PDB file of N, CA and C in Angstrom:
ATOM      1  N   MET A   1     129.088 130.392 100.340  1.00  0.00           N
ATOM      2  CA  MET A   1     128.716 131.851 100.034  1.00  0.00           C
ATOM      3  C   MET A   1     129.591 132.340  99.096  1.00  0.00           C
ATOM      4  N   ASP A   2     129.244 133.167  98.121  1.00  0.00           N
ATOM      5  CA  ASP A   2     129.940 133.807  97.266  1.00  0.00           C
ATOM      6  C   ASP A   2     131.264 134.869  97.506  1.00  0.00           C
ATOM      7  N   TYR A   3     132.284 134.772  97.216  1.00  0.00           N
ATOM      8  CA  TYR A   3     133.535 135.259  97.211  1.00  0.00           C
ATOM      9  C   TYR A   3     133.181 136.497  96.553  1.00  0.00           C
ATOM     10  N   ASN A   4     133.345 137.813  97.682  1.00  0.00           N
ATOM     11  CA  ASN A   4     133.104 139.295  96.835  1.00  0.00           C
ATOM     12  C   ASN A   4     134.331 139.934  97.290  1.00  0.00           C
ATOM     13  N   PHE A   5     134.681 140.605  95.944  1.00  0.00           N
ATOM     14  CA  PHE A   5     136.153 140.908  96.113  1.00  0.00           C
ATOM     15  C   PHE A   5     135.820 142.711  97.037  1.00  0.00           C
ATOM     16  N   ARG A   6     134.788 143.060  97.062  1.00  0.00           N
ATOM     17  CA  ARG A   6     134.624 144.445  97.455  1.00  0.00           C
ATOM     18  C   ARG A   6     134.524 144.237  98.924  1.00  0.00           C
ATOM     19  N   LYS A   7     134.181 143.178  99.540  1.00  0.00           N
ATOM     20  CA  LYS A   7     134.392 143.191 100.999  1.00  0.00           C
ATOM     21  C   LYS A   7     135.302 142.807 101.521  1.00  0.00           C
ATOM     22  N   GLU A   8     135.924 141.562 100.976  1.00  0.00           N
ATOM     23  CA  GLU A   8     137.157 140.884 101.133  1.00  0.00           C
ATOM     24  C   GLU A   8     138.512 142.277 101.002  1.00  0.00           C
ATOM     25  N   GLN A   9     138.276 142.925 100.345  1.00  0.00           N
ATOM     26  CA  GLN A   9     139.631 144.087  99.931  1.00  0.00           C
ATOM     27  C   GLN A   9     138.689 145.493 100.426  1.00  0.00           C
ATOM     28  N   LYS A  10     138.036 145.320 101.714  1.00  0.00           N
ATOM     29  CA  LYS A  10     137.509 147.045 101.744  1.00  0.00           C
ATOM     30  C   LYS A  10     138.411 147.919 101.745  1.00  0.00           C
ATOM     31  N   GLU A  11     139.659 147.895 102.026  1.00  0.00           N
ATOM     32  CA  GLU A  11     140.980 148.781 102.121  1.00  0.00           C
ATOM     33  C   GLU A  11     141.094 149.353 100.837  1.00  0.00           C
ATOM     34  N   LEU A  12     140.879 148.459  99.473  1.00  0.00           N
ATOM     35  CA  LEU A  12     141.136 149.035  98.074  1.00  0.00           C
ATOM     36  C   LEU A  12     139.735 149.701  97.701  1.00  0.00           C
ATOM     37  N   TYR A  13     138.644 149.523  98.265  1.00  0.00           N
ATOM     38  CA  TYR A  13     137.405 149.759  97.740  1.00  0.00           C
ATOM     39  C   TYR A  13     136.300 150.789  98.541  1.00  0.00           C
ATOM     40  N   VAL A  14     136.915 151.230  99.949  1.00  0.00           N
ATOM     41  CA  VAL A  14     135.795 151.849 100.567  1.00  0.00           C
ATOM     42  C   VAL A  14     137.271 152.747 101.363  1.00  0.00           C
ATOM     43  N   PRO A  15     136.863 153.951 101.056  1.00  0.00           N
ATOM     44  CA  PRO A  15     137.432 154.831 101.436  1.00  0.00           C
ATOM     45  C   PRO A  15     137.596 155.384 102.838  1.00  0.00           C
ATOM     46  N   GLY A  16     138.646 155.496 103.421  1.00  0.00           N
ATOM     47  CA  GLY A  16     138.664 155.874 104.675  1.00  0.00           C
ATOM     48  C   GLY A  16     138.623 157.351 105.143  1.00  0.00           C
ATOM     49  N   LYS A  17     138.741 157.608 106.532  1.00  0.00           N
ATOM     50  CA  LYS A  17     138.156 159.101 107.101  1.00  0.00           C
ATOM     51  C   LYS A  17     138.884 160.297 106.381  1.00  0.00           C
ATOM     52  N   SER A  18     140.083 160.233 106.260  1.00  0.00           N
ATOM     53  CA  SER A  18     140.825 161.062 105.806  1.00  0.00           C
ATOM     54  C   SER A  18     141.848 160.501 104.690  1.00  0.00           C
ATOM     55  N   PRO A  19     142.423 161.385 103.623  1.00  0.00           N
ATOM     56  CA  PRO A  19     143.518 160.796 102.781  1.00  0.00           C
ATOM     57  C   PRO A  19     144.361 159.828 103.138  1.00  0.00           C
ATOM     58  N   SER A  20     144.701 158.985 102.425  1.00  0.00           N
ATOM     59  CA  SER A  20     145.805 157.905 103.056  1.00  0.00           C
ATOM     60  C   SER A  20     146.748 157.264 101.456  1.00  0.00           C
ATOM     61  N   LEU A  21     147.627 157.013 101.638  1.00  0.00           N
ATOM     62  CA  LEU A  21     148.238 156.283 100.496  1.00  0.00           C
ATOM     63  C   LEU A  21     148.150 154.727 100.669  1.00  0.00           C
ATOM     64  N   ILE A  22     147.809 153.750  99.545  1.00  0.00           N
ATOM     65  CA  ILE A  22     147.704 152.717 100.179  1.00  0.00           C
ATOM     66  C   ILE A  22     148.814 151.730  98.873  1.00  0.00           C
ATOM     67  N   ASN A  23     148.698 150.572  99.102  1.00  0.00           N
ATOM     68  CA  ASN A  23     149.517 149.625  98.378  1.00  0.00           C
ATOM     69  C   ASN A  23     148.463 148.618  97.460  1.00  0.00           C
ATOM     70  N   VAL A  24     148.367 148.925  96.066  1.00  0.00           N
ATOM     71  CA  VAL A  24     147.530 147.946  95.715  1.00  0.00           C
ATOM     72  C   VAL A  24     148.052 146.819  95.054  1.00  0.00           C
ATOM     73  N   PRO A  25     147.867 145.971  95.638  1.00  0.00           N
ATOM     74  CA  PRO A  25     148.817 144.545  94.852  1.00  0.00           C
ATOM     75  C   PRO A  25     148.087 143.903  93.536  1.00  0.00           C
ATOM     76  N   ALA A  26     148.979 143.452  92.758  1.00  0.00           N
ATOM     77  CA  ALA A  26     148.638 142.998  91.316  1.00  0.00           C
ATOM     78  C   ALA A  26     147.355 142.309  91.620  1.00  0.00           C
ATOM     79  N   MET A  27     146.630 142.505  90.349  1.00  0.00           N
ATOM     80  CA  MET A  27     145.119 142.023  90.180  1.00  0.00           C
ATOM     81  C   MET A  27     144.917 141.382  89.093  1.00  0.00           C
ATOM     82  N   LYS A  28     143.727 140.362  89.086  1.00  0.00           N
ATOM     83  CA  LYS A  28     143.391 139.826  88.066  1.00  0.00           C
ATOM     84  C   LYS A  28     142.084 140.721  87.463  1.00  0.00           C
ATOM     85  N   TYR A  29     141.763 140.923  86.052  1.00  0.00           N
ATOM     86  CA  TYR A  29     140.666 142.028  85.634  1.00  0.00           C
ATOM     87  C   TYR A  29     140.364 141.308  84.323  1.00  0.00           C
ATOM     88  N   LEU A  30     139.186 141.025  84.143  1.00  0.00           N
ATOM     89  CA  LEU A  30     138.403 140.723  82.757  1.00  0.00           C
ATOM     90  C   LEU A  30     138.328 142.320  82.317  1.00  0.00           C
ATOM     91  N   THR A  31     139.261 142.586  81.121  1.00  0.00           N
ATOM     92  CA  THR A  31     139.454 144.010  80.395  1.00  0.00           C
ATOM     93  C   THR A  31     138.755 143.898  79.129  1.00  0.00           C
ATOM     94  N   VAL A  32     138.321 145.280  78.733  1.00  0.00           N
ATOM     95  CA  VAL A  32     138.088 145.413  77.067  1.00  0.00           C
ATOM     96  C   VAL A  32     138.486 147.203  77.145  1.00  0.00           C
ATOM     97  N   ARG A  33     139.351 147.588  76.316  1.00  0.00           N
ATOM     98  CA  ARG A  33     139.856 148.424  75.785  1.00  0.00           C
ATOM     99  C   ARG A  33     139.314 149.211  74.577  1.00  0.00           C
ATOM    100  N   GLY A  34     138.930 150.538  74.220  1.00  0.00           N
ATOM    101  CA  GLY A  34     138.468 150.864  72.997  1.00  0.00           C
ATOM    102  C   GLY A  34     138.320 152.293  73.104  1.00  0.00           C
ATOM    103  N   HIS A  35     138.054 153.118  71.949  1.00  0.00           N
ATOM    104  CA  HIS A  35     138.346 154.312  71.741  1.00  0.00           C
ATOM    105  C   HIS A  35     136.970 154.850  70.985  1.00  0.00           C
ATOM    106  N   GLY A  36     136.251 155.640  71.405  1.00  0.00           N
ATOM    107  CA  GLY A  36     135.410 156.665  70.768  1.00  0.00           C
ATOM    108  C   GLY A  36     134.348 157.046  71.899  1.00  0.00           C
ATOM    109  N   ASP A  37     133.431 157.450  71.193  1.00  0.00           N
ATOM    110  CA  ASP A  37     132.353 158.434  72.160  1.00  0.00           C
ATOM    111  C   ASP A  37     131.198 157.684  72.958  1.00  0.00           C
ATOM    112  N   PRO A  38     131.467 157.419  74.485  1.00  0.00           N
ATOM    113  CA  PRO A  38     130.413 156.290  75.049  1.00  0.00           C
ATOM    114  C   PRO A  38     129.124 156.950  75.153  1.00  0.00           C
ATOM    115  N   ASN A  39     128.924 158.171  74.558  1.00  0.00           N
ATOM    116  CA  ASN A  39     127.214 158.962  74.821  1.00  0.00           C
ATOM    117  C   ASN A  39     126.752 158.367  73.011  1.00  0.00           C
ATOM    118  N   GLN A  40     127.372 158.173  72.382  1.00  0.00           N
ATOM    119  CA  GLN A  40     126.672 157.730  70.974  1.00  0.00           C
ATOM    120  C   GLN A  40     125.750 156.484  70.975  1.00  0.00           C
ATOM    121  N   GLU A  41     124.795 156.668  70.544  1.00  0.00           N
ATOM    122  CA  GLU A  41     123.857 155.272  70.494  1.00  0.00           C
ATOM    123  C   GLU A  41     124.513 154.239  69.748  1.00  0.00           C
ATOM    124  N   ASN A  42     124.360 153.013  70.350  1.00  0.00           N
ATOM    125  CA  ASN A  42     125.019 151.864  69.751  1.00  0.00           C
ATOM    126  C   ASN A  42     126.622 152.110  69.958  1.00  0.00           C
ATOM    127  N   SER A  43     126.903 152.796  70.706  1.00  0.00           N
ATOM    128  CA  SER A  43     128.247 153.089  70.655  1.00  0.00           C
ATOM    129  C   SER A  43     129.251 151.441  71.073  1.00  0.00           C
ATOM    130  N   GLU A  44     130.587 152.073  70.607  1.00  0.00           N
ATOM    131  CA  GLU A  44     131.464 150.484  70.630  1.00  0.00           C
ATOM    132  C   GLU A  44     131.600 150.356  72.459  1.00  0.00           C
ATOM    133  N   TYR A  45     131.418 151.419  72.985  1.00  0.00           N
ATOM    134  CA  TYR A  45     131.749 151.843  74.552  1.00  0.00           C
ATOM    135  C   TYR A  45     130.397 150.708  75.253  1.00  0.00           C
ATOM    136  N   LYS A  46     129.314 150.910  74.836  1.00  0.00           N
ATOM    137  CA  LYS A  46     128.225 150.069  75.340  1.00  0.00           C
ATOM    138  C   LYS A  46     128.162 148.590  74.677  1.00  0.00           C
ATOM    139  N   LYS A  47     128.452 148.352  73.374  1.00  0.00           N
ATOM    140  CA  LYS A  47     129.028 147.121  73.082  1.00  0.00           C
ATOM    141  C   LYS A  47     129.976 146.337  74.142  1.00  0.00           C
ATOM    142  N   ALA A  48     130.999 146.973  74.242  1.00  0.00           N
ATOM    143  CA  ALA A  48     131.795 146.554  75.043  1.00  0.00           C
ATOM    144  C   ALA A  48     131.619 146.288  76.438  1.00  0.00           C
ATOM    145  N   ILE A  49     130.772 146.921  77.191  1.00  0.00           N
ATOM    146  CA  ILE A  49     130.173 146.519  78.247  1.00  0.00           C
ATOM    147  C   ILE A  49     129.170 145.295  78.648  1.00  0.00           C
ATOM    148  N   GLU A  50     128.503 145.415  77.436  1.00  0.00           N
ATOM    149  CA  GLU A  50     127.569 144.271  76.933  1.00  0.00           C
ATOM    150  C   GLU A  50     128.427 142.862  77.201  1.00  0.00           C
ATOM    151  N   LYS A  51     129.604 142.826  76.421  1.00  0.00           N
ATOM    152  CA  LYS A  51     130.212 141.693  76.067  1.00  0.00           C
ATOM    153  C   LYS A  51     130.775 141.338  77.532  1.00  0.00           C
ATOM    154  N   LEU A  52     131.206 142.597  78.191  1.00  0.00           N
ATOM    155  CA  LEU A  52     132.226 142.198  79.381  1.00  0.00           C
ATOM    156  C   LEU A  52     131.290 141.623  80.223  1.00  0.00           C
ATOM    157  N   TYR A  53     130.170 142.084  80.389  1.00  0.00           N
ATOM    158  CA  TYR A  53     129.076 141.185  81.429  1.00  0.00           C
ATOM    159  C   TYR A  53     128.965 139.735  80.990  1.00  0.00           C
ATOM    160  N   ALA A  54     128.509 139.789  79.491  1.00  0.00           N
ATOM    161  CA  ALA A  54     128.229 138.571  79.204  1.00  0.00           C
ATOM    162  C   ALA A  54     129.230 137.311  79.631  1.00  0.00           C
ATOM    163  N   VAL A  55     130.627 137.909  79.680  1.00  0.00           N
ATOM    164  CA  VAL A  55     132.058 137.176  79.692  1.00  0.00           C
ATOM    165  C   VAL A  55     131.685 136.899  81.268  1.00  0.00           C
ATOM    166  N   ALA A  56     131.418 137.697  82.298  1.00  0.00           N
ATOM    167  CA  ALA A  56     131.473 137.639  83.333  1.00  0.00           C
ATOM    168  C   ALA A  56     130.821 136.591  83.843  1.00  0.00           C
ATOM    169  N   TYR A  57     129.089 136.693  83.481  1.00  0.00           N
ATOM    170  CA  TYR A  57     128.088 135.835  84.059  1.00  0.00           C
ATOM    171  C   TYR A  57     128.676 134.574  83.470  1.00  0.00           C
ATOM    172  N   THR A  58     129.010 134.682  82.185  1.00  0.00           N
ATOM    173  CA  THR A  58     129.416 132.999  81.557  1.00  0.00           C
ATOM    174  C   THR A  58     130.233 132.008  82.422  1.00  0.00           C
ATOM    175  N   ILE A  59     131.245 132.835  83.330  1.00  0.00           N
ATOM    176  CA  ILE A  59     132.346 132.201  84.020  1.00  0.00           C
ATOM    177  C   ILE A  59     131.408 131.786  85.161  1.00  0.00           C
ATOM    178  N   LYS A  60     130.736 132.955  85.753  1.00  0.00           N
ATOM    179  CA  LYS A  60     129.891 132.667  87.111  1.00  0.00           C
ATOM    180  C   LYS A  60     129.079 131.658  87.110  1.00  0.00           C
ATOM    181  N   MET A  61     128.427 131.525  85.892  1.00  0.00           N
ATOM    182  CA  MET A  61     127.388 130.100  85.870  1.00  0.00           C
ATOM    183  C   MET A  61     128.140 129.168  85.172  1.00  0.00           C
ATOM    184  N   SER A  62     129.401 129.164  84.668  1.00  0.00           N
ATOM    185  CA  SER A  62     129.916 127.676  84.454  1.00  0.00           C
ATOM    186  C   SER A  62     129.524 126.536  85.329  1.00  0.00           C
ATOM    187  N   LYS A  63     129.820 126.800  86.849  1.00  0.00           N
ATOM    188  CA  LYS A  63     129.748 125.853  87.840  1.00  0.00           C
ATOM    189  C   LYS A  63     128.420 124.751  87.584  1.00  0.00           C
ATOM    190  N   LYS A  64     127.448 125.568  86.671  1.00  0.00           N
ATOM    191  CA  LYS A  64     126.076 124.981  86.170  1.00  0.00           C
ATOM    192  C   LYS A  64     126.274 123.663  84.873  1.00  0.00           C
ATOM    193  N   GLY A  65     127.383 124.186  84.477  1.00  0.00           N
ATOM    194  CA  GLY A  65     127.884 123.656  82.743  1.00  0.00           C
ATOM    195  C   GLY A  65     128.603 122.298  82.822  1.00  0.00           C
ATOM    196  N   THR A  66     129.147 122.210  81.901  1.00  0.00           N
ATOM    197  CA  THR A  66     129.939 120.692  81.853  1.00  0.00           C
ATOM    198  C   THR A  66     131.155 120.894  82.080  1.00  0.00           C
ATOM    199  N   TYR A  67     131.698 122.176  81.313  1.00  0.00           N
ATOM    200  CA  TYR A  67     132.842 122.500  81.722  1.00  0.00           C
ATOM    201  C   TYR A  67     133.100 123.296  83.069  1.00  0.00           C
ATOM    202  N   GLN A  68     134.410 122.415  83.818  1.00  0.00           N
ATOM    203  CA  GLN A  68     134.728 122.755  85.223  1.00  0.00           C
ATOM    204  C   GLN A  68     135.568 123.478  84.792  1.00  0.00           C
ATOM    205  N   ILE A  69     135.932 124.666  85.474  1.00  0.00           N
ATOM    206  CA  ILE A  69     136.974 125.535  85.474  1.00  0.00           C
ATOM    207  C   ILE A  69     137.970 125.240  86.621  1.00  0.00           C
ATOM    208  N   PRO A  70     139.072 124.905  86.206  1.00  0.00           N
ATOM    209  CA  PRO A  70     140.389 124.575  87.725  1.00  0.00           C
ATOM    210  C   PRO A  70     139.925 125.699  88.485  1.00  0.00           C
ATOM    211  N   ASP A  71     140.367 125.171  89.876  1.00  0.00           N
ATOM    212  CA  ASP A  71     140.478 125.996  90.950  1.00  0.00           C
ATOM    213  C   ASP A  71     138.813 127.349  90.965  1.00  0.00           C
ATOM    214  N   TYR A  72     138.010 126.617  90.213  1.00  0.00           N
ATOM    215  CA  TYR A  72     137.180 127.653  90.655  1.00  0.00           C
ATOM    216  C   TYR A  72     136.401 128.088  92.213  1.00  0.00           C
ATOM    217  N   PHE A  73     136.042 128.970  92.213  1.00  0.00           N
ATOM    218  CA  PHE A  73     135.357 129.100  93.726  1.00  0.00           C
ATOM    219  C   PHE A  73     134.088 130.227  93.010  1.00  0.00           C
ATOM    220  N   ASP A  74     133.128 130.345  93.806  1.00  0.00           N
ATOM    221  CA  ASP A  74     132.009 130.931  93.338  1.00  0.00           C
ATOM    222  C   ASP A  74     132.139 132.657  93.954  1.00  0.00           C
ATOM    223  N   PHE A  75     131.721 133.896  93.172  1.00  0.00           N
ATOM    224  CA  PHE A  75     132.073 135.030  93.355  1.00  0.00           C
ATOM    225  C   PHE A  75     130.881 135.805  93.052  1.00  0.00           C
ATOM    226  N   VAL A  76     130.919 137.065  93.617  1.00  0.00           N
ATOM    227  CA  VAL A  76     129.764 137.970  93.244  1.00  0.00           C
ATOM    228  C   VAL A  76     130.891 138.640  92.296  1.00  0.00           C
ATOM    229  N   VAL A  77     129.833 139.182  91.067  1.00  0.00           N
ATOM    230  CA  VAL A  77     130.460 139.521  90.079  1.00  0.00           C
ATOM    231  C   VAL A  77     130.466 141.424  90.295  1.00  0.00           C
ATOM    232  N   SER A  78     131.589 141.852  90.449  1.00  0.00           N
ATOM    233  CA  SER A  78     131.903 142.784  91.164  1.00  0.00           C
ATOM    234  C   SER A  78     131.171 143.934  90.422  1.00  0.00           C
ATOM    235  N   PRO A  79     131.522 145.177  90.557  1.00  0.00           N
ATOM    236  CA  PRO A  79     130.617 146.442  89.878  1.00  0.00           C
ATOM    237  C   PRO A  79     131.917 146.749  88.729  1.00  0.00           C
ATOM    238  N   LEU A  80     131.172 147.487  87.709  1.00  0.00           N
ATOM    239  CA  LEU A  80     132.201 147.518  86.573  1.00  0.00           C
ATOM    240  C   LEU A  80     133.024 148.642  86.994  1.00  0.00           C
ATOM    241  N   GLU A  81     134.188 148.757  86.885  1.00  0.00           N
ATOM    242  CA  GLU A  81     135.285 149.656  86.988  1.00  0.00           C
ATOM    243  C   GLU A  81     135.724 150.253  85.623  1.00  0.00           C
ATOM    244  N   GLY A  82     135.991 151.287  85.462  1.00  0.00           N
ATOM    245  CA  GLY A  82     136.766 152.062  84.088  1.00  0.00           C
ATOM    246  C   GLY A  82     137.618 152.929  84.669  1.00  0.00           C
ATOM    247  N   LEU A  83     138.684 153.278  83.359  1.00  0.00           N
ATOM    248  CA  LEU A  83     139.784 153.888  83.503  1.00  0.00           C
ATOM    249  C   LEU A  83     139.196 154.968  82.100  1.00  0.00           C
ATOM    250  N   TRP A  84     139.138 155.909  81.948  1.00  0.00           N
ATOM    251  CA  TRP A  84     139.337 157.100  80.744  1.00  0.00           C
ATOM    252  C   TRP A  84     140.258 158.099  80.499  1.00  0.00           C
ATOM    253  N   TRP A  85     140.834 158.505  79.454  1.00  0.00           N
ATOM    254  CA  TRP A  85     141.650 159.233  79.097  1.00  0.00           C
ATOM    255  C   TRP A  85     141.389 159.764  77.874  1.00  0.00           C
ATOM    256  N   GLN A  86     142.302 160.407  77.573  1.00  0.00           N
ATOM    257  CA  GLN A  86     141.964 161.672  76.263  1.00  0.00           C
ATOM    258  C   GLN A  86     143.486 162.496  75.810  1.00  0.00           C
ATOM    259  N   ASP A  87     143.891 161.747  74.821  1.00  0.00           N
ATOM    260  CA  ASP A  87     144.806 162.268  74.041  1.00  0.00           C
ATOM    261  C   ASP A  87     144.893 163.182  72.548  1.00  0.00           C
ATOM    262  N   GLY A  88     144.644 164.368  72.939  1.00  0.00           N
ATOM    263  CA  GLY A  88     144.439 165.194  71.759  1.00  0.00           C
ATOM    264  C   GLY A  88     142.919 165.772  71.800  1.00  0.00           C
ATOM    265  N   ILE A  89     142.368 166.254  70.968  1.00  0.00           N
ATOM    266  CA  ILE A  89     141.038 166.821  71.106  1.00  0.00           C
ATOM    267  C   ILE A  89     139.763 166.176  70.710  1.00  0.00           C
ATOM    268  N   THR A  90     140.354 164.927  70.133  1.00  0.00           N
ATOM    269  CA  THR A  90     138.965 164.108  69.527  1.00  0.00           C
ATOM    270  C   THR A  90     139.112 162.555  69.921  1.00  0.00           C
ATOM    271  N   GLY A  91     137.848 161.975  70.296  1.00  0.00           N
ATOM    272  CA  GLY A  91     137.943 160.888  71.367  1.00  0.00           C
ATOM    273  C   GLY A  91     138.356 160.606  72.490  1.00  0.00           C
ATOM    274  N   ILE A  92     137.888 159.626  73.068  1.00  0.00           N
ATOM    275  CA  ILE A  92     137.890 159.089  74.515  1.00  0.00           C
ATOM    276  C   ILE A  92     138.690 157.855  74.230  1.00  0.00           C
ATOM    277  N   ASP A  93     139.198 157.341  74.699  1.00  0.00           N
ATOM    278  CA  ASP A  93     140.087 156.259  75.227  1.00  0.00           C
ATOM    279  C   ASP A  93     139.765 155.583  76.270  1.00  0.00           C
ATOM    280  N   TYR A  94     138.996 154.183  76.797  1.00  0.00           N
ATOM    281  CA  TYR A  94     138.630 154.018  77.858  1.00  0.00           C
ATOM    282  C   TYR A  94     139.115 152.225  78.041  1.00  0.00           C
ATOM    283  N   LYS A  95     139.306 152.033  79.496  1.00  0.00           N
ATOM    284  CA  LYS A  95     139.208 150.430  79.452  1.00  0.00           C
ATOM    285  C   LYS A  95     138.025 150.085  80.799  1.00  0.00           C
ATOM    286  N   VAL A  96     137.523 149.289  80.575  1.00  0.00           N
ATOM    287  CA  VAL A  96     136.089 148.850  81.482  1.00  0.00           C
ATOM    288  C   VAL A  96     136.859 147.593  81.708  1.00  0.00           C
ATOM    289  N   LEU A  97     136.516 147.397  83.175  1.00  0.00           N
ATOM    290  CA  LEU A  97     137.132 146.003  83.785  1.00  0.00           C
ATOM    291  C   LEU A  97     136.183 145.314  85.127  1.00  0.00           C
ATOM    292  N   PHE A  98     136.359 144.216  85.616  1.00  0.00           N
ATOM    293  CA  PHE A  98     135.858 143.492  86.321  1.00  0.00           C
ATOM    294  C   PHE A  98     136.900 143.026  87.095  1.00  0.00           C
ATOM    295  N   HIS A  99     137.095 143.239  88.233  1.00  0.00           N
ATOM    296  CA  HIS A  99     138.095 142.196  89.224  1.00  0.00           C
ATOM    297  C   HIS A  99     137.214 141.110  89.041  1.00  0.00           C
ATOM    298  N   CYS A 100     138.540 139.877  89.295  1.00  0.00           N
ATOM    299  CA  CYS A 100     138.011 138.271  89.055  1.00  0.00           C
ATOM    300  C   CYS A 100     139.474 137.780  89.842  1.00  0.00           C
ATOM    301  N   ASN A 101     139.027 136.462  90.097  1.00  0.00           N
ATOM    302  CA  ASN A 101     140.017 135.724  90.783  1.00  0.00           C
ATOM    303  C   ASN A 101     140.913 135.044  89.479  1.00  0.00           C
ATOM    304  N   ASP A 102     142.066 134.406  89.387  1.00  0.00           N
ATOM    305  CA  ASP A 102     142.783 133.999  88.761  1.00  0.00           C
ATOM    306  C   ASP A 102     142.175 132.667  87.508  1.00  0.00           C
ATOM    307  N   SER A 103     141.147 132.017  88.501  1.00  0.00           N
ATOM    308  CA  SER A 103     141.113 130.843  87.290  1.00  0.00           C
ATOM    309  C   SER A 103     140.218 131.248  86.480  1.00  0.00           C
ATOM    310  N   PRO A 104     138.979 132.289  86.661  1.00  0.00           N
ATOM    311  CA  PRO A 104     138.329 132.986  85.175  1.00  0.00           C
ATOM    312  C   PRO A 104     139.576 133.762  84.514  1.00  0.00           C
ATOM    313  N   SER A 105     140.301 133.994  84.644  1.00  0.00           N
ATOM    314  CA  SER A 105     141.477 134.997  83.692  1.00  0.00           C
ATOM    315  C   SER A 105     141.771 133.316  83.150  1.00  0.00           C
ATOM    316  N   ARG A 106     142.364 132.723  83.886  1.00  0.00           N
ATOM    317  CA  ARG A 106     143.035 131.445  82.538  1.00  0.00           C
ATOM    318  C   ARG A 106     141.891 130.979  81.561  1.00  0.00           C
ATOM    319  N   LEU A 107     141.195 130.509  81.944  1.00  0.00           N
ATOM    320  CA  LEU A 107     139.390 130.308  81.262  1.00  0.00           C
ATOM    321  C   LEU A 107     139.890 131.357  80.258  1.00  0.00           C
ATOM    322  N   CYS A 108     139.610 132.557  80.610  1.00  0.00           N
ATOM    323  CA  CYS A 108     139.526 133.303  79.376  1.00  0.00           C
ATOM    324  C   CYS A 108     140.615 133.197  78.169  1.00  0.00           C
ATOM    325  N   TYR A 109     141.798 132.428  78.940  1.00  0.00           N
ATOM    326  CA  TYR A 109     143.068 132.531  77.849  1.00  0.00           C
ATOM    327  C   TYR A 109     142.715 130.887  77.177  1.00  0.00           C
ATOM    328  N   SER A 110     142.181 130.349  77.836  1.00  0.00           N
ATOM    329  CA  SER A 110     142.494 128.791  77.424  1.00  0.00           C
ATOM    330  C   SER A 110     141.263 128.781  76.612  1.00  0.00           C
ATOM    331  N   ARG A 111     139.989 129.483  76.629  1.00  0.00           N
ATOM    332  CA  ARG A 111     138.727 128.929  76.029  1.00  0.00           C
ATOM    333  C   ARG A 111     138.301 130.142  75.344  1.00  0.00           C
ATOM    334  N   ARG A 112     137.741 130.266  73.762  1.00  0.00           N
ATOM    335  CA  ARG A 112     137.118 131.166  73.123  1.00  0.00           C
ATOM    336  C   ARG A 112     135.439 131.159  73.880  1.00  0.00           C
ATOM    337  N   PHE A 113     134.628 132.302  73.989  1.00  0.00           N
ATOM    338  CA  PHE A 113     133.146 132.278  74.139  1.00  0.00           C
ATOM    339  C   PHE A 113     132.683 132.587  72.727  1.00  0.00           C
TER     340      PHE A 113
END
């Protein structure tokens, strides 16, 4: 069965009935950072998301290929998460990310796609 981060870590992804403080542990993410208007046609933001999905699914499907990721376990590609901020009056900075386990993170540092 595929490991599902959102189901296994419900306290981080499912809100409680009343506001509360939670401690979020350090976690691994596949991340793309950028700057620009996400609503423009063919924007860098849209291209970044396409690349991020491509990397996430390449890692997920690597189990079927010839290169085996050390300590790999099958997982559900988690929903896209995003952080947005703006300094000044022009442009938007963003970081889009997928939650992943340690093995894909090591793969990204050790191999280029």
